[in-house]
Amino acid sequence: MVTDYDAIIIGAGFGGMGAAIELNRLGYHNLLILERESDLGGTWHVNRYPGLAVDIPSSTYSYSFEPNPYWSRLFAPGAELKKYACHVAEKYGLRRLMRFDTVVDGAEWDEGDAHWTVRCRGGEQLTAKYLFTATGFLSQPKVPDVDGIDTFAGKVIHTTDWDDTYDLTGKRAAIIGTGATAVQLIPEIAEKATELTVFQRTPIWVSPKPDVSIPTVVQKTFAALPLTQRLVRMIGTSILEMMMVSGVLHYKQLPLVNKLGELWCRAHLSRQVRDRELRRKLTPDYSFGCKRPTFSNDYYRTFTKKHVSLQTSSIVSVDADGIRTADGTRRDIDVLVLATGFNLWDVNFPAIEIIGRGGRNLGTWWRENRFQAYEGVAIPEFPNLISLNSPYSYSGLSYFTTIESQMRHIDRLFTAMKGRNATVFEVTHHANDDFLDRMTAKVGDSVFALGQCSTANSYYFNQHGEATLLRPSSTLSTYRQASSFPLDDYDYA
C-alpha cells in the first residue's frame, strides 16, 4: 500500500526539526510535521512569561551545525530562541512541511501494510512508513490539585499560557511553585505587584548567573570566525559536563564535586539573604542535583523585599478571594500565577496513544513494566518508531546534546536499512534488555540512587521512584554510542 508520507513527525520544536533535517539529509523528503500549537518552536513558542530565558549558556543551546553568532546575552531571552527556531525552519525548508493547530490523538502500527496510521482530532487519518514522536519533555502543563481553585474570582495565569494583556502593576499577587520557571518569573512579578506571596513546596538550588550582554564586536567576530564561537561552545559544554556528569551521574566516584556544587549555591544564598530563618526556608534538604538546579542573580534577593513573603505551609484551599494554608494563614489576592511545571510521567511518555505490534499500548506497557527505550529512541514491538522523548534519552544539560545524538542514531540506522534494502526496522528484545541493564547499573552510581532525593519532588523520577529520564552517560559517550551501536541490535525487513 502506498502511504501518504515517508515519515510523520509529531512536534515542531527543536527535536522534531532536528529529525526532519536528518531525514532530508538521508533523502527522505516526503515528510509531514504535525504541531498542536499555532506555530513552531515548541516550548519557546508556548512560553512567553516575563523573564523567560534559556537557563544554560546560549552557545550550547543551539545546533552545533547551525550556530547563531548574534545572541544578545550569554543566557539569551526567550524571544531570541523563538527567532532562532524560525531561522532554522526557514533555512532548512521545514516550514513548508509543517501543519499547525493539529492535535494528534494517537497512532497505530498496521502490520499488514507495514505502516503507521496517525489519528488527528476531528477524524482525519494519515499514513506514513515511519513515525517520529517529538512531543517534548515539558509539553503537558500541570495544574495543582487544590480544593476550590476553580472558584477563585480573580485572575488565574499558568506560565504556559501567559496573558500579555494583564497588567500586574498594583496587584496583590500569589505564585504557586518555586521551580526553574518561577526562579525567572518571581523577580519580574515583584517589580510590579504591591504584594507578592510565594507558595513554596520544595526549595531549589540556585547558583549565581554569569549573565552578561554580548558586545556587537564579539557577535561580529563569531560571525566572521565561527571557530571562536565553537571554542566558546566547547568551554560551556565542558563546564556543564563537569556539573552534570561528574557531580550528579558519577556521585559515587566523585562526591566532592557534588558537594562543591551545593556549597556554591549555599554561599550564593548567604550573600543575598542575611535573615537566618528566611535562609533556612530557602535551603533545600535534598542533595544537589536531585532536582534540576538553576541560575539567578535576583531570585534570592527578591525575598528580602518588604512586599514579598515566602509561605512554606501547604495550601488547604482557595476561595473566591484568596488562599488559606495549613497554618491558618489567609491571603487575599487579585491574581494567582501557576508556576507548577509539567506532568511528565502521568500524561507524557508517550504524550499520545501509541499502539504497536499485536495491539501493545506503549503507555500501558511502560507503566506496567518499566520505563525503557533502547538508546533512548526505540522500543521492541514498535517497528519503524523513533520516540525522541523517551526514558534514558536526555543527555547532558543542553537539550541539543540529546537532539544531535539522536540525529546520529537516525543516520546510522537508516543508512543500515538502505544498505540492506530494508524498509522496516525493530530493535531486538535482547538489545533493549541489555541497554536497560546497563543504564540501571549506571544510575546506581548517581546522586539519584546514593544521594538524599526523597524530598526533592523532582520530575527526574517516575511514579515508580526510578530516575529514568536522564541518560547516565557523558555527552562524548552518548555521541560515540549513537554513531557506533551494533547494527544487529535491530531486525530489518
Protein backbone atom coordinates (compact mmCIF):
# COMPACT_ATOMS: atom_id res chain seq x y z
CA MET A 1 0.00 0.00 0.00
CA VAL A 2 1.24 3.49 -0.85
CA THR A 3 1.48 5.68 2.23
CA ASP A 4 0.75 9.38 2.42
CA TYR A 5 4.23 10.23 3.71
CA ASP A 6 7.68 8.75 4.16
CA ALA A 7 7.55 9.90 7.77
CA ILE A 8 5.27 11.83 10.08
CA ILE A 9 6.92 13.82 12.84
CA ILE A 10 4.76 14.86 15.78
CA GLY A 11 6.07 18.12 17.22
CA ALA A 12 7.59 21.20 15.60
CA GLY A 13 10.06 22.07 18.33
CA PHE A 14 13.82 21.72 18.08
CA GLY A 15 13.64 17.92 18.41
CA GLY A 16 11.17 17.50 15.57
CA MET A 17 13.07 19.93 13.37
CA GLY A 18 16.32 18.07 14.04
CA ALA A 19 14.71 14.80 12.96
CA ALA A 20 13.38 16.42 9.78
CA ILE A 21 16.78 17.89 8.94
CA GLU A 22 18.42 14.48 9.34
CA LEU A 23 15.76 12.70 7.26
CA ASN A 24 16.18 15.26 4.48
CA ARG A 25 19.93 14.64 4.53
CA LEU A 26 19.21 10.93 4.12
CA GLY A 27 16.99 11.51 1.09
CA TYR A 28 13.54 11.40 2.69
CA HIS A 29 11.66 14.50 1.54
CA ASN A 30 8.00 13.46 1.69
CA LEU A 31 7.63 14.47 5.32
CA LEU A 32 4.85 15.94 7.45
CA ILE A 33 5.38 17.68 10.79
CA LEU A 34 2.23 17.93 12.87
CA GLU A 35 2.07 20.58 15.60
CA ARG A 36 -0.80 21.23 18.02
CA GLU A 37 0.21 24.87 18.58
CA SER A 38 -0.24 27.78 16.17
CA ASP A 39 3.45 27.99 15.22
CA LEU A 40 6.79 26.24 15.51
CA GLY A 41 9.29 26.42 18.35
CA GLY A 42 7.83 24.12 20.98
CA THR A 43 8.43 25.45 24.47
CA TRP A 44 9.86 28.68 23.04
CA HIS A 45 6.57 29.36 21.27
CA VAL A 46 4.29 28.35 24.14
CA ASN A 47 6.19 30.11 26.92
CA ARG A 48 6.42 33.90 26.93
CA TYR A 49 6.23 34.82 30.60
CA PRO A 50 8.28 37.80 31.86
CA GLY A 51 11.91 36.92 32.50
CA LEU A 52 11.87 33.90 30.18
CA ALA A 53 15.41 32.97 29.13
CA VAL A 54 17.46 29.90 28.43
CA ASP A 55 18.96 28.60 31.67
CA ILE A 56 22.27 27.43 30.20
CA PRO A 57 24.69 29.43 28.00
CA SER A 58 23.12 30.22 24.64
CA SER A 59 26.13 28.94 22.71
CA THR A 60 25.42 25.41 23.96
CA TYR A 61 21.66 25.70 23.45
CA SER A 62 21.66 25.55 19.67
CA TYR A 63 22.50 23.11 16.90
CA SER A 64 26.26 22.72 16.57
CA PHE A 65 25.89 22.71 12.78
CA GLU A 66 23.84 25.91 12.82
CA PRO A 67 25.44 28.29 15.34
CA ASN A 68 23.88 31.68 15.98
CA PRO A 69 26.57 34.35 16.34
CA TYR A 70 24.04 37.03 17.26
CA TRP A 71 22.84 36.06 20.74
CA SER A 72 22.44 39.31 22.67
CA ARG A 73 23.33 37.78 26.02
CA LEU A 74 25.22 34.81 27.41
CA PHE A 75 21.82 33.50 28.56
CA ALA A 76 19.55 34.56 25.69
CA PRO A 77 15.98 35.73 26.34
CA GLY A 78 13.15 33.51 25.14
CA ALA A 79 12.22 35.72 22.19
CA GLU A 80 15.65 35.10 20.67
CA LEU A 81 15.22 31.33 20.97
CA LYS A 82 11.91 31.61 19.15
CA LYS A 83 13.59 33.74 16.46
CA TYR A 84 16.39 31.17 16.15
CA ALA A 85 13.84 28.37 15.71
CA CYS A 86 12.18 30.32 12.89
CA HIS A 87 15.58 30.90 11.27
CA VAL A 88 16.37 27.17 11.32
CA ALA A 89 12.97 26.29 9.86
CA GLU A 90 13.38 28.77 7.03
CA LYS A 91 16.98 27.89 6.20
CA TYR A 92 16.33 24.14 6.07
CA GLY A 93 12.96 24.40 4.32
CA LEU A 94 10.99 22.93 7.19
CA ARG A 95 8.09 25.34 7.49
CA ARG A 96 6.53 24.05 4.27
CA LEU A 97 6.41 20.60 5.91
CA MET A 98 4.52 21.80 8.98
CA ARG A 99 0.83 21.72 9.71
CA PHE A 100 -0.17 23.77 12.75
CA ASP A 101 -3.22 23.69 15.04
CA THR A 102 -3.38 19.94 14.55
CA VAL A 103 -3.86 17.76 17.60
CA VAL A 104 -2.80 14.13 17.26
CA ASP A 105 -4.86 11.72 19.32
CA GLY A 106 -2.91 8.56 18.58
CA ALA A 107 -1.06 6.31 16.16
CA GLU A 108 -1.27 2.60 15.38
CA TRP A 109 1.04 0.21 13.56
CA ASP A 110 -0.62 -1.59 10.64
CA GLU A 111 1.06 -4.97 10.48
CA GLY A 112 -0.42 -5.97 7.12
CA ASP A 113 0.66 -2.85 5.25
CA ALA A 114 3.74 -2.14 7.42
CA HIS A 115 2.99 1.49 8.09
CA TRP A 116 1.72 3.82 10.81
CA THR A 117 -1.77 5.28 10.83
CA VAL A 118 -1.92 8.60 12.66
CA ARG A 119 -5.28 9.81 14.01
CA CYS A 120 -5.87 13.55 14.16
CA ARG A 121 -8.56 15.19 16.24
CA GLY A 122 -11.57 15.67 14.04
CA GLY A 123 -11.31 12.25 12.45
CA GLU A 124 -8.60 12.68 9.79
CA GLN A 125 -6.24 9.73 9.39
CA LEU A 126 -2.80 9.90 7.80
CA THR A 127 -0.36 7.13 6.96
CA ALA A 128 3.43 7.05 6.99
CA LYS A 129 6.13 4.43 6.73
CA TYR A 130 7.93 5.92 9.75
CA LEU A 131 6.70 7.70 12.87
CA PHE A 132 8.77 10.14 14.91
CA THR A 133 7.37 11.46 18.19
CA ALA A 134 8.95 14.76 19.23
CA THR A 135 6.33 15.99 21.67
CA GLY A 136 8.83 17.40 24.15
CA PHE A 137 9.53 16.53 27.76
CA LEU A 138 7.91 19.71 29.06
CA SER A 139 4.76 19.87 26.98
CA GLN A 140 1.90 18.83 29.27
CA PRO A 141 1.17 21.64 31.79
CA LYS A 142 0.44 20.58 35.35
CA VAL A 143 -2.36 22.29 37.28
CA PRO A 144 -2.24 21.90 41.07
CA ASP A 145 -4.93 19.78 42.68
CA VAL A 146 -6.06 22.35 45.23
CA ASP A 147 -9.53 22.43 46.73
CA GLY A 148 -11.57 25.37 45.44
CA ILE A 149 -9.09 26.63 42.85
CA ASP A 150 -11.88 26.74 40.26
CA THR A 151 -13.86 29.12 42.46
CA PHE A 152 -11.24 31.88 42.55
CA ALA A 153 -12.84 35.07 41.23
CA GLY A 154 -9.61 36.86 40.36
CA LYS A 155 -7.19 36.31 37.50
CA VAL A 156 -5.51 32.90 37.11
CA ILE A 157 -2.48 32.62 34.80
CA HIS A 158 -0.49 29.48 34.07
CA THR A 159 3.06 30.19 32.94
CA THR A 160 2.47 28.20 29.73
CA ASP A 161 -0.47 30.44 28.83
CA TRP A 162 0.76 33.87 29.83
CA ASP A 163 -1.68 36.75 29.34
CA ASP A 164 0.33 39.64 27.92
CA THR A 165 -2.65 41.97 28.25
CA TYR A 166 -2.94 41.60 32.01
CA ASP A 167 -1.14 44.31 33.99
CA LEU A 168 0.31 43.15 37.32
CA THR A 169 1.02 46.71 38.43
CA GLY A 170 -0.52 47.42 41.81
CA LYS A 171 -1.95 43.91 42.17
CA ARG A 172 -1.85 41.56 45.14
CA ALA A 173 -0.24 38.57 43.53
CA ALA A 174 0.45 34.99 44.57
CA ILE A 175 2.52 32.39 42.76
CA ILE A 176 2.48 28.65 43.38
CA GLY A 177 5.77 26.95 42.61
CA THR A 178 9.48 27.58 43.00
CA GLY A 179 10.97 25.57 40.14
CA ALA A 180 13.15 26.80 37.30
CA THR A 181 10.33 28.80 35.69
CA ALA A 182 9.42 30.51 38.96
CA VAL A 183 13.06 31.42 39.57
CA GLN A 184 12.93 33.53 36.40
CA LEU A 185 9.42 34.87 36.93
CA ILE A 186 9.26 35.79 40.63
CA PRO A 187 11.69 38.76 40.42
CA GLU A 188 9.69 40.12 37.47
CA ILE A 189 6.36 39.93 39.30
CA ALA A 190 7.90 41.52 42.39
CA GLU A 191 8.85 44.56 40.32
CA LYS A 192 5.18 45.33 39.60
CA ALA A 193 2.95 43.83 42.28
CA THR A 194 2.24 45.71 45.50
CA GLU A 195 2.17 42.39 47.36
CA LEU A 196 3.64 39.06 46.32
CA THR A 197 3.23 35.80 48.21
CA VAL A 198 5.28 32.84 47.02
CA PHE A 199 3.90 29.42 47.96
CA GLN A 200 6.81 27.01 48.12
CA ARG A 201 6.54 23.25 48.42
CA THR A 202 10.17 22.44 47.65
CA PRO A 203 13.08 24.92 47.62
CA ILE A 204 15.52 24.84 44.73
CA TRP A 205 19.30 25.03 44.49
CA VAL A 206 20.19 28.30 42.77
CA SER A 207 23.68 29.38 41.77
CA PRO A 208 24.91 32.78 40.52
CA LYS A 209 24.13 33.51 36.88
CA PRO A 210 27.17 34.77 34.98
CA ASP A 211 24.92 36.55 32.52
CA VAL A 212 26.35 39.41 30.50
CA SER A 213 25.40 41.16 27.30
CA ILE A 214 27.47 40.11 24.29
CA PRO A 215 29.01 43.16 22.61
CA THR A 216 28.38 43.73 18.92
CA VAL A 217 32.09 43.35 18.21
CA VAL A 218 32.03 39.86 19.73
CA GLN A 219 28.95 38.92 17.70
CA LYS A 220 30.70 40.08 14.53
CA THR A 221 33.77 38.06 15.48
CA PHE A 222 31.63 34.95 15.94
CA ALA A 223 30.05 35.54 12.53
CA ALA A 224 33.38 36.13 10.77
CA LEU A 225 35.33 33.45 12.62
CA PRO A 226 32.97 30.58 13.53
CA LEU A 227 35.84 28.73 15.18
CA THR A 228 35.81 31.28 18.02
CA GLN A 229 32.19 30.51 18.80
CA ARG A 230 32.82 26.78 18.61
CA LEU A 231 35.55 27.26 21.20
CA VAL A 232 33.12 29.11 23.49
CA ARG A 233 30.60 26.33 22.97
CA MET A 234 33.18 23.70 23.88
CA ILE A 235 34.10 25.53 27.08
CA GLY A 236 30.44 25.92 28.06
CA THR A 237 29.71 22.28 27.34
CA SER A 238 32.71 21.19 29.40
CA ILE A 239 31.50 23.18 32.41
CA LEU A 240 28.02 21.69 32.12
CA GLU A 241 29.53 18.24 31.80
CA MET A 242 31.51 18.78 34.97
CA MET A 243 28.33 19.75 36.83
CA MET A 244 26.06 17.09 35.38
CA VAL A 245 28.20 14.08 34.68
CA SER A 246 30.81 14.42 37.41
CA GLY A 247 28.70 15.84 40.19
CA VAL A 248 25.40 14.09 39.54
CA LEU A 249 25.88 10.93 37.49
CA HIS A 250 29.28 9.96 38.96
CA TYR A 251 28.27 10.80 42.51
CA LYS A 252 29.71 7.55 43.87
CA GLN A 253 33.16 8.19 42.41
CA LEU A 254 33.22 11.99 42.80
CA PRO A 255 31.05 13.04 45.76
CA LEU A 256 33.29 16.07 46.32
CA VAL A 257 32.24 17.62 43.00
CA ASN A 258 28.61 17.36 44.05
CA LYS A 259 29.40 18.87 47.44
CA LEU A 260 31.19 21.79 45.79
CA GLY A 261 28.08 22.49 43.73
CA GLU A 262 25.98 22.58 46.88
CA LEU A 263 28.45 24.82 48.70
CA TRP A 264 28.50 27.20 45.73
CA CYS A 265 24.71 27.57 45.95
CA ARG A 266 24.76 27.92 49.74
CA ALA A 267 27.34 30.70 49.51
CA HIS A 268 25.20 32.50 46.93
CA LEU A 269 22.18 32.28 49.24
CA SER A 270 24.17 33.53 52.24
CA ARG A 271 25.42 36.56 50.31
CA GLN A 272 21.93 37.58 49.25
CA VAL A 273 19.82 36.65 52.28
CA ARG A 274 21.03 37.71 55.72
CA ASP A 275 17.94 36.65 57.66
CA ARG A 276 18.71 33.23 59.11
CA GLU A 277 15.10 31.97 59.22
CA LEU A 278 14.40 33.04 55.64
CA ARG A 279 17.63 31.43 54.54
CA ARG A 280 16.60 28.19 56.24
CA LYS A 281 13.30 28.14 54.34
CA LEU A 282 15.08 28.69 51.03
CA THR A 283 17.66 25.95 51.61
CA PRO A 284 16.84 22.53 50.10
CA ASP A 285 17.12 19.48 52.32
CA TYR A 286 17.89 17.21 49.37
CA SER A 287 21.21 16.60 47.63
CA PHE A 288 22.42 18.93 44.89
CA GLY A 289 21.37 17.50 41.52
CA CYS A 290 18.32 15.52 42.65
CA LYS A 291 16.28 18.27 41.04
CA ARG A 292 17.46 20.37 38.13
CA PRO A 293 19.41 23.31 39.64
CA THR A 294 19.18 26.73 38.08
CA PHE A 295 20.85 30.13 37.85
CA SER A 296 19.70 33.57 39.02
CA ASN A 297 21.21 36.75 40.41
CA ASP A 298 17.85 38.13 41.58
CA TYR A 299 15.78 35.22 42.90
CA TYR A 300 17.07 35.00 46.48
CA ARG A 301 17.34 38.77 46.81
CA THR A 302 13.67 39.19 45.88
CA PHE A 303 12.57 37.54 49.12
CA THR A 304 14.28 40.24 51.17
CA LYS A 305 11.90 42.90 49.83
CA LYS A 306 9.23 44.10 52.27
CA HIS A 307 6.29 43.42 49.97
CA VAL A 308 7.40 39.83 49.18
CA SER A 309 6.66 36.95 51.54
CA LEU A 310 7.53 33.27 51.42
CA GLN A 311 4.88 30.79 52.54
CA THR A 312 6.03 27.23 53.18
CA SER A 313 2.89 25.92 54.84
CA SER A 314 0.82 23.78 52.49
CA ILE A 315 -2.22 25.22 50.76
CA VAL A 316 -5.50 23.95 52.21
CA SER A 317 -7.96 25.69 49.92
CA VAL A 318 -8.62 28.51 47.51
CA ASP A 319 -11.84 30.52 47.57
CA ALA A 320 -13.20 33.44 45.56
CA ASP A 321 -10.88 35.97 47.18
CA GLY A 322 -7.74 34.23 48.33
CA ILE A 323 -5.73 31.30 49.68
CA ARG A 324 -5.77 29.57 53.06
CA THR A 325 -2.82 27.49 54.30
CA ALA A 326 -2.46 24.71 56.87
CA ASP A 327 -1.00 27.06 59.50
CA GLY A 328 -4.22 29.08 59.50
CA THR A 329 -2.86 31.95 57.43
CA ARG A 330 -5.08 33.54 54.81
CA ARG A 331 -4.02 35.76 51.91
CA ASP A 332 -6.43 37.89 49.91
CA ILE A 333 -5.15 38.20 46.35
CA ASP A 334 -6.09 39.64 42.97
CA VAL A 335 -4.11 37.32 40.71
CA LEU A 336 -2.90 33.73 41.07
CA VAL A 337 0.07 32.61 38.97
CA LEU A 338 0.62 28.88 38.50
CA ALA A 339 4.29 28.02 38.01
CA THR A 340 3.54 24.39 38.72
CA GLY A 341 5.53 22.89 35.90
CA PHE A 342 4.67 19.94 33.74
CA ASN A 343 3.21 16.48 34.09
CA LEU A 344 5.80 14.16 32.63
CA TRP A 345 5.01 10.70 33.87
CA ASP A 346 1.21 10.58 34.02
CA VAL A 347 0.26 12.07 30.66
CA ASN A 348 3.60 12.05 28.85
CA PHE A 349 5.78 9.08 27.88
CA PRO A 350 4.12 8.96 25.45
CA ALA A 351 2.07 12.14 25.09
CA ILE A 352 -0.34 10.38 22.72
CA GLU A 353 -1.70 6.85 22.48
CA ILE A 354 0.70 4.65 20.51
CA ILE A 355 -0.32 1.10 19.59
CA GLY A 356 2.39 -1.19 18.29
CA ARG A 357 2.65 -4.77 17.09
CA GLY A 358 -0.06 -7.09 18.38
CA GLY A 359 -2.04 -4.22 19.90
CA ARG A 360 0.60 -3.35 22.51
CA ASN A 361 -0.16 0.03 24.09
CA LEU A 362 3.13 1.81 24.74
CA GLY A 363 1.91 3.88 27.68
CA THR A 364 0.32 0.86 29.38
CA TRP A 365 3.35 -1.32 28.72
CA TRP A 366 5.76 1.25 30.17
CA ARG A 367 3.69 1.71 33.30
CA GLU A 368 3.04 -1.99 33.90
CA ASN A 369 6.65 -2.96 33.28
CA ARG A 370 9.48 -0.40 33.41
CA PHE A 371 10.14 2.79 31.52
CA GLN A 372 12.69 1.81 28.90
CA ALA A 373 13.87 2.60 25.38
CA TYR A 374 16.95 1.35 23.57
CA GLU A 375 19.43 4.20 23.23
CA GLY A 376 16.55 6.44 24.28
CA VAL A 377 14.80 6.11 20.90
CA ALA A 378 13.49 2.60 20.09
CA ILE A 379 11.15 0.10 21.74
CA PRO A 380 10.62 -3.60 20.93
CA GLU A 381 7.25 -4.42 19.31
CA PHE A 382 7.07 -0.89 17.89
CA PRO A 383 8.52 -1.16 14.36
CA ASN A 384 9.52 1.99 12.45
CA LEU A 385 9.00 4.17 15.53
CA ILE A 386 11.59 6.65 16.75
CA SER A 387 10.49 8.06 20.09
CA LEU A 388 12.58 11.17 20.69
CA ASN A 389 11.16 11.81 24.17
CA SER A 390 11.79 8.53 25.89
CA PRO A 391 13.32 7.10 29.05
CA TYR A 392 17.13 7.42 29.18
CA SER A 393 17.19 9.80 26.21
CA TYR A 394 18.06 13.12 27.85
CA SER A 395 21.83 13.55 27.85
CA GLY A 396 23.77 16.38 29.48
CA LEU A 397 22.17 19.70 30.45
CA SER A 398 21.60 21.05 26.95
CA TYR A 399 18.63 19.57 25.08
CA PHE A 400 20.67 19.91 21.89
CA THR A 401 23.04 17.23 23.15
CA THR A 402 20.08 14.88 23.15
CA ILE A 403 18.81 16.06 19.76
CA GLU A 404 22.13 15.71 17.97
CA SER A 405 22.93 12.31 19.46
CA GLN A 406 19.53 11.11 18.23
CA MET A 407 20.24 12.56 14.79
CA ARG A 408 23.41 10.49 14.70
CA HIS A 409 21.43 7.39 15.68
CA ILE A 410 18.89 8.05 12.92
CA ASP A 411 21.70 8.45 10.39
CA ARG A 412 23.33 5.14 11.32
CA LEU A 413 20.05 3.21 11.50
CA PHE A 414 18.52 4.45 8.25
CA THR A 415 21.82 4.09 6.38
CA ALA A 416 21.95 0.46 7.56
CA MET A 417 18.39 -0.08 6.31
CA LYS A 418 19.25 1.27 2.87
CA GLY A 419 22.30 -0.97 2.72
CA ARG A 420 20.06 -3.98 3.39
CA ASN A 421 17.28 -2.82 1.03
CA ALA A 422 15.01 -2.90 4.06
CA THR A 423 12.07 -0.64 4.85
CA VAL A 424 11.20 -1.88 8.35
CA PHE A 425 13.31 -1.82 11.49
CA GLU A 426 12.66 -3.01 15.02
CA VAL A 427 15.03 -3.15 17.97
CA THR A 428 15.52 -6.64 19.37
CA HIS A 429 14.38 -7.58 22.85
CA HIS A 430 17.90 -8.69 23.71
CA ALA A 431 19.46 -5.35 22.76
CA ASN A 432 16.78 -3.43 24.63
CA ASP A 433 17.14 -5.54 27.77
CA ASP A 434 20.92 -5.25 27.69
CA PHE A 435 20.71 -1.45 27.34
CA LEU A 436 18.24 -1.22 30.23
CA ASP A 437 20.54 -3.30 32.44
CA ARG A 438 23.49 -1.04 31.65
CA MET A 439 21.53 2.14 32.31
CA THR A 440 20.12 0.79 35.57
CA ALA A 441 23.61 -0.15 36.76
CA LYS A 442 24.98 3.29 35.92
CA VAL A 443 22.12 5.09 37.66
CA GLY A 444 23.16 3.13 40.74
CA ASP A 445 26.31 5.30 40.90
CA SER A 446 24.40 8.56 40.63
CA VAL A 447 23.06 11.04 43.15
CA PHE A 448 19.59 9.74 42.31
CA ALA A 449 20.42 6.40 43.93
CA LEU A 450 23.02 7.39 46.54
CA GLY A 451 22.03 10.94 47.48
CA GLN A 452 19.16 12.20 49.58
CA CYS A 453 16.45 12.76 46.95
CA SER A 454 13.27 11.67 48.71
CA THR A 455 12.11 15.23 49.41
CA ALA A 456 13.10 16.74 46.06
CA ASN A 457 9.76 16.24 44.28
CA SER A 458 11.80 16.02 41.11
CA TYR A 459 10.44 15.30 37.65
CA TYR A 460 13.58 13.22 37.10
CA PHE A 461 11.79 10.41 38.98
CA ASN A 462 8.84 8.48 37.58
CA GLN A 463 5.89 7.17 39.60
CA HIS A 464 7.88 4.04 40.47
CA GLY A 465 10.63 6.10 42.07
CA GLU A 466 13.12 5.36 39.30
CA ALA A 467 15.27 8.08 37.73
CA THR A 468 14.76 7.04 34.12
CA LEU A 469 14.67 10.41 32.38
CA LEU A 470 18.38 11.22 32.18
CA ARG A 471 20.87 9.02 30.39
CA PRO A 472 23.68 8.31 32.88
CA SER A 473 26.47 8.85 30.34
CA SER A 474 28.72 11.68 29.29
CA THR A 475 27.96 13.60 26.11
CA LEU A 476 31.05 12.12 24.45
CA SER A 477 29.98 8.60 25.35
CA THR A 478 26.43 9.22 24.14
CA TYR A 479 27.65 10.58 20.80
CA ARG A 480 30.07 7.68 20.38
CA GLN A 481 27.38 5.09 21.03
CA ALA A 482 24.90 6.80 18.70
CA SER A 483 27.45 6.55 15.89
CA SER A 484 28.63 3.01 16.60
CA PHE A 485 25.86 0.91 18.18
CA PRO A 486 25.82 -2.67 16.82
CA LEU A 487 23.70 -2.76 13.69
CA ASP A 488 22.39 -6.22 14.57
CA ASP A 489 20.72 -4.70 17.62
CA TYR A 490 17.91 -4.17 15.11
CA ASP A 491 15.96 -6.59 12.96
CA TYR A 492 15.38 -5.45 9.38
CA ALA A 493 12.76 -6.43 6.81
